[in-house]
């Protein structure tokens, strides 16, 4: 029986995929648990419309992310930190602190999008990569000062 997957099921299929499974598995598990629907012309049309809608939404999201990228690309954020002997920094600057500082500047960026290549625990400039989407990635500078 051909079915259209509504959810990703491990070792069976991914969302929106059309697969062939046994009748019993399709009726008793996939369709019953709303993980798939039977493949018909109508369900295929509905799937096509949903996929196109999602693609358009994705494009709009990417456009929005590119606007943020244009505003933030290669900008510098400064953090005033406490230091001890020989200018050693107490603690380190985290992704949460960077996200909070960006939020204060008007950019709502999730801390999970901020990628630190190394710890930010030394005075000076550090490059931080922000990946908003697989198509939109840029760098900002984080400056630690006394």
N, C-alpha and C. Protein backbone atom coordinates (compact mmCIF):
# COMPACT_ATOMS: atom_id res chain seq x y z
N UNK A 1 0.85 -1.18 0.00
CA UNK A 1 0.00 0.00 0.00
C UNK A 1 0.89 1.24 0.00
N UNK A 2 0.56 2.20 -0.82
CA UNK A 2 1.30 3.46 -0.86
C UNK A 2 0.70 4.42 0.16
N UNK A 3 1.60 5.08 0.91
CA UNK A 3 1.15 6.07 1.89
C UNK A 3 2.04 7.30 1.79
N UNK A 4 1.51 8.42 2.26
CA UNK A 4 2.27 9.67 2.36
C UNK A 4 2.54 9.88 3.84
N UNK A 5 3.81 10.01 4.18
CA UNK A 5 4.21 10.16 5.58
C UNK A 5 3.85 11.57 6.07
N UNK A 6 3.19 11.63 7.23
CA UNK A 6 2.87 12.92 7.87
C UNK A 6 3.94 13.30 8.88
N UNK A 7 4.63 12.30 9.42
CA UNK A 7 5.70 12.50 10.39
C UNK A 7 6.88 11.62 9.98
N UNK A 8 8.05 11.95 10.48
CA UNK A 8 9.21 11.11 10.24
C UNK A 8 9.17 9.92 11.20
N UNK A 9 9.29 8.73 10.66
CA UNK A 9 9.33 7.51 11.45
C UNK A 9 10.67 6.83 11.14
N UNK A 10 11.43 6.61 12.18
CA UNK A 10 12.77 6.05 12.00
C UNK A 10 12.72 4.69 11.30
N UNK A 11 13.59 4.50 10.35
CA UNK A 11 13.73 3.28 9.56
C UNK A 11 12.52 3.00 8.66
N UNK A 12 11.60 3.97 8.54
CA UNK A 12 10.45 3.79 7.66
C UNK A 12 10.45 4.86 6.58
N UNK A 13 10.40 6.13 6.99
CA UNK A 13 10.39 7.22 6.02
C UNK A 13 10.35 8.57 6.70
N UNK A 14 10.62 9.60 5.91
CA UNK A 14 10.63 10.96 6.43
C UNK A 14 9.33 11.67 6.05
N UNK A 15 9.08 12.78 6.69
CA UNK A 15 7.86 13.55 6.46
C UNK A 15 7.74 13.93 4.98
N UNK A 16 6.55 13.84 4.45
CA UNK A 16 6.18 14.19 3.07
C UNK A 16 6.69 13.19 2.02
N UNK A 17 7.26 12.10 2.46
CA UNK A 17 7.75 11.09 1.53
C UNK A 17 6.62 10.12 1.18
N UNK A 18 6.61 9.66 -0.06
CA UNK A 18 5.64 8.66 -0.49
C UNK A 18 6.37 7.31 -0.47
N UNK A 19 5.84 6.39 0.34
CA UNK A 19 6.51 5.09 0.48
C UNK A 19 5.53 3.95 0.27
N UNK A 20 6.07 2.77 0.04
CA UNK A 20 5.28 1.56 -0.12
C UNK A 20 5.52 0.69 1.11
N UNK A 21 4.43 0.35 1.83
CA UNK A 21 4.53 -0.51 3.00
C UNK A 21 3.43 -1.57 2.91
N UNK A 22 3.51 -2.56 3.78
CA UNK A 22 2.48 -3.60 3.76
C UNK A 22 1.14 -3.01 4.22
N UNK A 23 0.06 -3.62 3.76
CA UNK A 23 -1.28 -3.12 4.09
C UNK A 23 -1.52 -3.11 5.59
N UNK A 24 -1.15 -4.19 6.28
CA UNK A 24 -1.39 -4.29 7.71
C UNK A 24 -0.61 -3.21 8.48
N UNK A 25 0.67 -3.00 8.13
CA UNK A 25 1.47 -1.99 8.81
C UNK A 25 0.90 -0.60 8.57
N UNK A 26 0.46 -0.35 7.33
CA UNK A 26 -0.11 0.96 7.00
C UNK A 26 -1.40 1.20 7.79
N UNK A 27 -2.33 0.26 7.74
CA UNK A 27 -3.63 0.44 8.39
C UNK A 27 -3.55 0.39 9.91
N UNK A 28 -2.81 -0.57 10.44
CA UNK A 28 -2.83 -0.80 11.88
C UNK A 28 -1.86 0.07 12.67
N UNK A 29 -0.87 0.64 12.00
CA UNK A 29 0.09 1.46 12.75
C UNK A 29 0.18 2.88 12.20
N UNK A 30 0.58 3.03 10.95
CA UNK A 30 0.86 4.37 10.42
C UNK A 30 -0.40 5.23 10.34
N UNK A 31 -1.44 4.71 9.73
CA UNK A 31 -2.66 5.51 9.56
C UNK A 31 -3.39 5.66 10.89
N UNK A 32 -3.45 4.59 11.67
CA UNK A 32 -4.14 4.62 12.96
C UNK A 32 -3.52 5.65 13.90
N UNK A 33 -2.20 5.77 13.89
CA UNK A 33 -1.50 6.72 14.76
C UNK A 33 -1.24 8.08 14.09
N UNK A 34 -1.91 8.30 12.96
CA UNK A 34 -1.81 9.56 12.22
C UNK A 34 -0.37 9.92 11.85
N UNK A 35 0.39 8.89 11.50
CA UNK A 35 1.76 9.09 11.03
C UNK A 35 1.82 9.13 9.50
N UNK A 36 0.73 8.66 8.87
CA UNK A 36 0.66 8.65 7.41
C UNK A 36 -0.80 8.67 6.97
N UNK A 37 -0.99 8.99 5.70
CA UNK A 37 -2.33 8.93 5.08
C UNK A 37 -2.21 8.08 3.82
N UNK A 38 -3.30 7.43 3.42
CA UNK A 38 -3.25 6.64 2.18
C UNK A 38 -2.96 7.54 0.98
N UNK A 39 -2.21 7.03 0.03
CA UNK A 39 -1.86 7.79 -1.17
C UNK A 39 -3.03 7.76 -2.15
N UNK A 40 -3.55 8.95 -2.46
CA UNK A 40 -4.58 9.12 -3.49
C UNK A 40 -4.23 10.36 -4.29
N UNK A 41 -4.96 10.58 -5.37
CA UNK A 41 -4.71 11.79 -6.16
C UNK A 41 -4.94 13.03 -5.30
N UNK A 42 -6.00 13.02 -4.53
CA UNK A 42 -6.35 14.17 -3.69
C UNK A 42 -5.28 14.40 -2.60
N UNK A 43 -4.84 13.33 -1.95
CA UNK A 43 -3.83 13.51 -0.90
C UNK A 43 -2.50 13.99 -1.51
N UNK A 44 -2.20 13.56 -2.73
CA UNK A 44 -0.99 14.03 -3.42
C UNK A 44 -1.10 15.53 -3.73
N UNK A 45 -2.28 15.99 -4.16
CA UNK A 45 -2.50 17.42 -4.43
C UNK A 45 -2.33 18.24 -3.15
N UNK A 46 -2.90 17.75 -2.06
CA UNK A 46 -2.79 18.45 -0.77
C UNK A 46 -1.33 18.51 -0.35
N UNK A 47 -0.60 17.41 -0.53
CA UNK A 47 0.83 17.39 -0.19
C UNK A 47 1.59 18.42 -1.01
N UNK A 48 1.32 18.51 -2.30
CA UNK A 48 2.02 19.47 -3.16
C UNK A 48 1.76 20.90 -2.71
N UNK A 49 0.52 21.20 -2.35
CA UNK A 49 0.18 22.55 -1.88
C UNK A 49 0.92 22.86 -0.57
N UNK A 50 0.94 21.90 0.34
CA UNK A 50 1.62 22.11 1.63
C UNK A 50 3.11 22.32 1.44
N UNK A 51 3.72 21.54 0.56
CA UNK A 51 5.16 21.66 0.31
C UNK A 51 5.48 23.04 -0.28
N UNK A 52 4.67 23.50 -1.23
CA UNK A 52 4.90 24.82 -1.83
C UNK A 52 4.73 25.92 -0.80
N UNK A 53 3.73 25.80 0.07
CA UNK A 53 3.50 26.80 1.11
C UNK A 53 4.70 26.85 2.06
N UNK A 54 5.20 25.68 2.45
CA UNK A 54 6.35 25.64 3.35
C UNK A 54 7.60 26.24 2.70
N UNK A 55 7.77 25.99 1.41
CA UNK A 55 8.92 26.55 0.69
C UNK A 55 8.85 28.07 0.65
N UNK A 56 7.64 28.62 0.44
CA UNK A 56 7.48 30.08 0.42
C UNK A 56 7.77 30.67 1.79
N UNK A 57 7.27 30.01 2.85
CA UNK A 57 7.54 30.47 4.20
C UNK A 57 9.03 30.43 4.50
N UNK A 58 9.69 29.39 4.03
CA UNK A 58 11.14 29.25 4.22
C UNK A 58 11.88 30.39 3.52
N UNK A 59 11.47 30.72 2.32
CA UNK A 59 12.09 31.82 1.58
C UNK A 59 11.92 33.14 2.32
N UNK A 60 10.73 33.37 2.86
CA UNK A 60 10.49 34.60 3.62
C UNK A 60 11.36 34.66 4.86
N UNK A 61 11.50 33.52 5.54
CA UNK A 61 12.35 33.45 6.73
C UNK A 61 13.81 33.74 6.36
N UNK A 62 14.27 33.19 5.24
CA UNK A 62 15.65 33.43 4.80
C UNK A 62 15.85 34.90 4.47
N UNK A 63 14.87 35.53 3.84
CA UNK A 63 14.96 36.96 3.53
C UNK A 63 15.09 37.78 4.81
N UNK A 64 14.29 37.41 5.82
CA UNK A 64 14.35 38.10 7.11
C UNK A 64 15.72 37.93 7.75
N UNK A 65 16.25 36.72 7.70
CA UNK A 65 17.56 36.44 8.28
C UNK A 65 18.66 37.21 7.54
N UNK A 66 18.51 37.36 6.23
CA UNK A 66 19.52 38.10 5.44
C UNK A 66 19.52 39.58 5.82
N UNK A 67 18.36 40.13 6.19
CA UNK A 67 18.30 41.51 6.65
C UNK A 67 19.07 41.66 7.96
N UNK A 68 18.89 40.69 8.86
CA UNK A 68 19.63 40.71 10.12
C UNK A 68 21.12 40.57 9.85
N UNK A 69 21.48 39.71 8.91
CA UNK A 69 22.87 39.52 8.56
C UNK A 69 23.49 40.82 8.04
N UNK A 70 22.76 41.54 7.20
CA UNK A 70 23.28 42.79 6.65
C UNK A 70 23.55 43.82 7.74
N UNK A 71 22.71 43.82 8.78
CA UNK A 71 22.88 44.79 9.86
C UNK A 71 24.00 44.39 10.82
N UNK A 72 24.21 43.10 11.03
CA UNK A 72 25.16 42.65 12.06
C UNK A 72 26.51 42.16 11.54
N UNK A 73 26.63 41.90 10.26
CA UNK A 73 27.86 41.31 9.73
C UNK A 73 29.08 42.16 10.07
N UNK A 74 30.05 41.54 10.72
CA UNK A 74 31.33 42.16 11.13
C UNK A 74 31.17 43.31 12.12
N UNK A 75 30.07 43.37 12.84
CA UNK A 75 29.90 44.37 13.90
C UNK A 75 30.63 43.89 15.15
N UNK A 76 30.87 44.84 16.07
CA UNK A 76 31.59 44.51 17.29
C UNK A 76 30.70 44.72 18.50
N UNK A 77 30.73 43.76 19.41
CA UNK A 77 30.01 43.86 20.68
C UNK A 77 31.07 43.86 21.77
N UNK A 78 30.97 44.81 22.70
CA UNK A 78 31.95 44.90 23.78
C UNK A 78 31.35 44.42 25.09
N UNK A 79 32.17 43.74 25.87
CA UNK A 79 31.78 43.29 27.20
C UNK A 79 32.82 43.80 28.18
N UNK A 80 32.35 44.43 29.24
CA UNK A 80 33.24 44.87 30.31
C UNK A 80 33.33 43.72 31.30
N UNK A 81 34.54 43.22 31.53
CA UNK A 81 34.71 42.06 32.40
C UNK A 81 35.67 42.39 33.53
N UNK A 82 35.55 41.64 34.61
CA UNK A 82 36.45 41.79 35.74
C UNK A 82 37.71 40.96 35.48
N UNK A 83 38.84 41.54 35.84
CA UNK A 83 40.10 40.83 35.63
C UNK A 83 40.89 40.77 36.93
N UNK A 84 41.77 39.81 36.99
CA UNK A 84 42.62 39.63 38.17
C UNK A 84 44.05 39.96 37.82
N UNK A 85 44.96 39.24 38.44
CA UNK A 85 46.38 39.45 38.19
C UNK A 85 46.70 39.15 36.74
N UNK A 86 47.61 39.90 36.18
CA UNK A 86 48.08 39.74 34.80
C UNK A 86 46.90 39.76 33.80
N UNK A 87 45.93 40.56 34.11
CA UNK A 87 44.75 40.74 33.24
C UNK A 87 44.04 39.43 32.88
N UNK A 88 43.97 38.51 33.82
CA UNK A 88 43.22 37.29 33.59
C UNK A 88 41.75 37.55 33.87
N UNK A 89 40.89 37.07 32.98
CA UNK A 89 39.45 37.30 33.08
C UNK A 89 38.85 36.29 34.05
N UNK A 90 37.95 36.78 34.92
CA UNK A 90 37.20 35.89 35.80
C UNK A 90 36.04 35.31 35.00
N UNK A 91 36.02 34.00 34.83
CA UNK A 91 34.95 33.36 34.06
C UNK A 91 35.16 33.55 32.58
N UNK A 92 34.08 33.40 31.83
CA UNK A 92 34.13 33.60 30.39
C UNK A 92 32.79 34.09 29.88
N UNK A 93 32.79 34.64 28.67
CA UNK A 93 31.56 35.15 28.06
C UNK A 93 30.88 33.97 27.36
N UNK A 94 29.60 33.77 27.67
CA UNK A 94 28.86 32.63 27.12
C UNK A 94 27.97 33.06 25.95
N UNK A 95 27.42 32.08 25.27
CA UNK A 95 26.50 32.37 24.16
C UNK A 95 25.25 33.08 24.68
N UNK A 96 24.84 32.75 25.90
CA UNK A 96 23.67 33.42 26.49
C UNK A 96 23.93 34.91 26.68
N UNK A 97 25.13 35.25 27.15
CA UNK A 97 25.45 36.66 27.34
C UNK A 97 25.50 37.40 26.00
N UNK A 98 26.03 36.75 24.99
CA UNK A 98 26.08 37.36 23.66
C UNK A 98 24.66 37.55 23.13
N UNK A 99 23.80 36.53 23.29
CA UNK A 99 22.42 36.63 22.84
C UNK A 99 21.67 37.73 23.58
N UNK A 100 21.92 37.87 24.90
CA UNK A 100 21.28 38.93 25.68
C UNK A 100 21.72 40.31 25.20
N UNK A 101 23.01 40.46 24.90
CA UNK A 101 23.52 41.75 24.42
C UNK A 101 22.93 42.09 23.06
N UNK A 102 22.80 41.08 22.19
CA UNK A 102 22.17 41.32 20.88
C UNK A 102 20.70 41.67 21.05
N UNK A 103 20.05 41.07 22.03
CA UNK A 103 18.64 41.39 22.31
C UNK A 103 18.50 42.84 22.77
N UNK A 104 19.47 43.29 23.58
CA UNK A 104 19.46 44.69 24.02
C UNK A 104 19.62 45.64 22.84
N UNK A 105 20.30 45.20 21.80
CA UNK A 105 20.50 46.03 20.60
C UNK A 105 19.34 45.88 19.62
N UNK A 106 18.36 45.03 19.94
CA UNK A 106 17.17 44.91 19.10
C UNK A 106 17.15 43.71 18.18
N UNK A 107 18.07 42.76 18.36
CA UNK A 107 18.12 41.57 17.52
C UNK A 107 17.80 40.35 18.37
N UNK A 108 16.71 39.67 18.04
CA UNK A 108 16.29 38.50 18.81
C UNK A 108 16.91 37.25 18.19
N UNK A 109 18.11 36.89 18.67
CA UNK A 109 18.83 35.74 18.15
C UNK A 109 18.96 34.71 19.26
N UNK A 110 18.59 33.48 18.95
CA UNK A 110 18.66 32.40 19.93
C UNK A 110 20.11 32.04 20.21
N UNK A 111 20.41 31.71 21.46
CA UNK A 111 21.78 31.38 21.84
C UNK A 111 22.28 30.12 21.15
N UNK A 112 21.37 29.27 20.68
CA UNK A 112 21.77 28.05 19.98
C UNK A 112 22.32 28.35 18.59
N UNK A 113 22.03 29.52 18.07
CA UNK A 113 22.53 29.92 16.75
C UNK A 113 23.95 30.47 16.82
N UNK A 114 24.43 30.76 18.02
CA UNK A 114 25.75 31.35 18.20
C UNK A 114 26.77 30.23 18.40
N UNK A 115 27.77 30.19 17.52
CA UNK A 115 28.77 29.12 17.55
C UNK A 115 30.11 29.69 18.02
N UNK A 116 30.58 29.20 19.15
CA UNK A 116 31.88 29.61 19.66
C UNK A 116 32.91 28.58 19.25
N UNK A 117 33.97 29.03 18.56
CA UNK A 117 35.02 28.10 18.17
C UNK A 117 35.95 27.81 19.35
N UNK A 118 36.07 28.78 20.25
CA UNK A 118 36.87 28.58 21.46
C UNK A 118 36.26 29.43 22.57
N UNK A 119 36.72 29.19 23.79
CA UNK A 119 36.21 29.95 24.92
C UNK A 119 36.60 31.42 24.80
N UNK A 120 35.70 32.29 25.20
CA UNK A 120 35.99 33.73 25.20
C UNK A 120 36.34 34.09 26.63
N UNK A 121 37.62 33.94 26.96
CA UNK A 121 38.06 34.17 28.33
C UNK A 121 39.37 34.95 28.42
N UNK A 122 39.71 35.67 27.34
CA UNK A 122 40.93 36.47 27.29
C UNK A 122 40.56 37.86 26.79
N UNK A 123 41.19 38.88 27.33
CA UNK A 123 40.93 40.24 26.86
C UNK A 123 41.26 40.35 25.37
N UNK A 124 40.51 41.18 24.66
CA UNK A 124 40.77 41.41 23.24
C UNK A 124 39.59 41.00 22.38
N UNK A 125 39.87 40.94 21.06
CA UNK A 125 38.83 40.64 20.07
C UNK A 125 38.73 39.13 19.83
N UNK A 126 37.48 38.67 19.67
CA UNK A 126 37.21 37.27 19.37
C UNK A 126 36.16 37.23 18.27
N UNK A 127 36.35 36.33 17.30
CA UNK A 127 35.37 36.16 16.23
C UNK A 127 34.35 35.11 16.63
N UNK A 128 33.08 35.42 16.42
CA UNK A 128 31.99 34.49 16.74
C UNK A 128 31.14 34.32 15.49
N UNK A 129 30.82 33.08 15.15
CA UNK A 129 30.00 32.78 13.99
C UNK A 129 28.56 32.60 14.44
N UNK A 130 27.64 33.27 13.74
CA UNK A 130 26.21 33.13 14.01
C UNK A 130 25.57 32.48 12.79
N UNK A 131 24.90 31.36 13.00
CA UNK A 131 24.24 30.64 11.93
C UNK A 131 22.73 30.68 12.18
N UNK A 132 22.04 31.54 11.45
CA UNK A 132 20.59 31.68 11.62
C UNK A 132 19.84 30.62 10.82
N UNK A 133 20.43 30.19 9.72
CA UNK A 133 19.83 29.23 8.81
C UNK A 133 20.97 28.58 8.05
N UNK A 134 20.74 27.43 7.46
CA UNK A 134 21.85 26.79 6.74
C UNK A 134 22.33 27.63 5.57
N UNK A 135 21.50 28.57 5.11
CA UNK A 135 21.89 29.47 4.02
C UNK A 135 22.40 30.82 4.51
N UNK A 136 22.20 31.13 5.79
CA UNK A 136 22.56 32.44 6.33
C UNK A 136 23.48 32.27 7.54
N UNK A 137 24.74 32.66 7.34
CA UNK A 137 25.73 32.57 8.40
C UNK A 137 26.65 33.78 8.29
N UNK A 138 27.02 34.36 9.43
CA UNK A 138 27.90 35.53 9.41
C UNK A 138 28.71 35.59 10.69
N UNK A 139 29.69 36.51 10.70
CA UNK A 139 30.58 36.64 11.86
C UNK A 139 30.37 37.99 12.53
N UNK A 140 30.50 37.99 13.85
CA UNK A 140 30.55 39.22 14.61
C UNK A 140 31.80 39.17 15.48
N UNK A 141 32.23 40.32 15.94
CA UNK A 141 33.40 40.40 16.81
C UNK A 141 32.94 40.67 18.24
N UNK A 142 33.54 39.96 19.18
CA UNK A 142 33.26 40.18 20.60
C UNK A 142 34.55 40.71 21.21
N UNK A 143 34.45 41.88 21.82
CA UNK A 143 35.61 42.54 22.40
C UNK A 143 35.48 42.51 23.93
N UNK A 144 36.48 41.96 24.60
CA UNK A 144 36.50 41.95 26.06
C UNK A 144 37.44 43.08 26.52
N UNK A 145 36.89 43.96 27.37
CA UNK A 145 37.68 45.07 27.89
C UNK A 145 37.58 45.08 29.42
N UNK A 146 38.58 45.74 30.04
CA UNK A 146 38.57 45.86 31.51
C UNK A 146 37.48 46.79 31.96
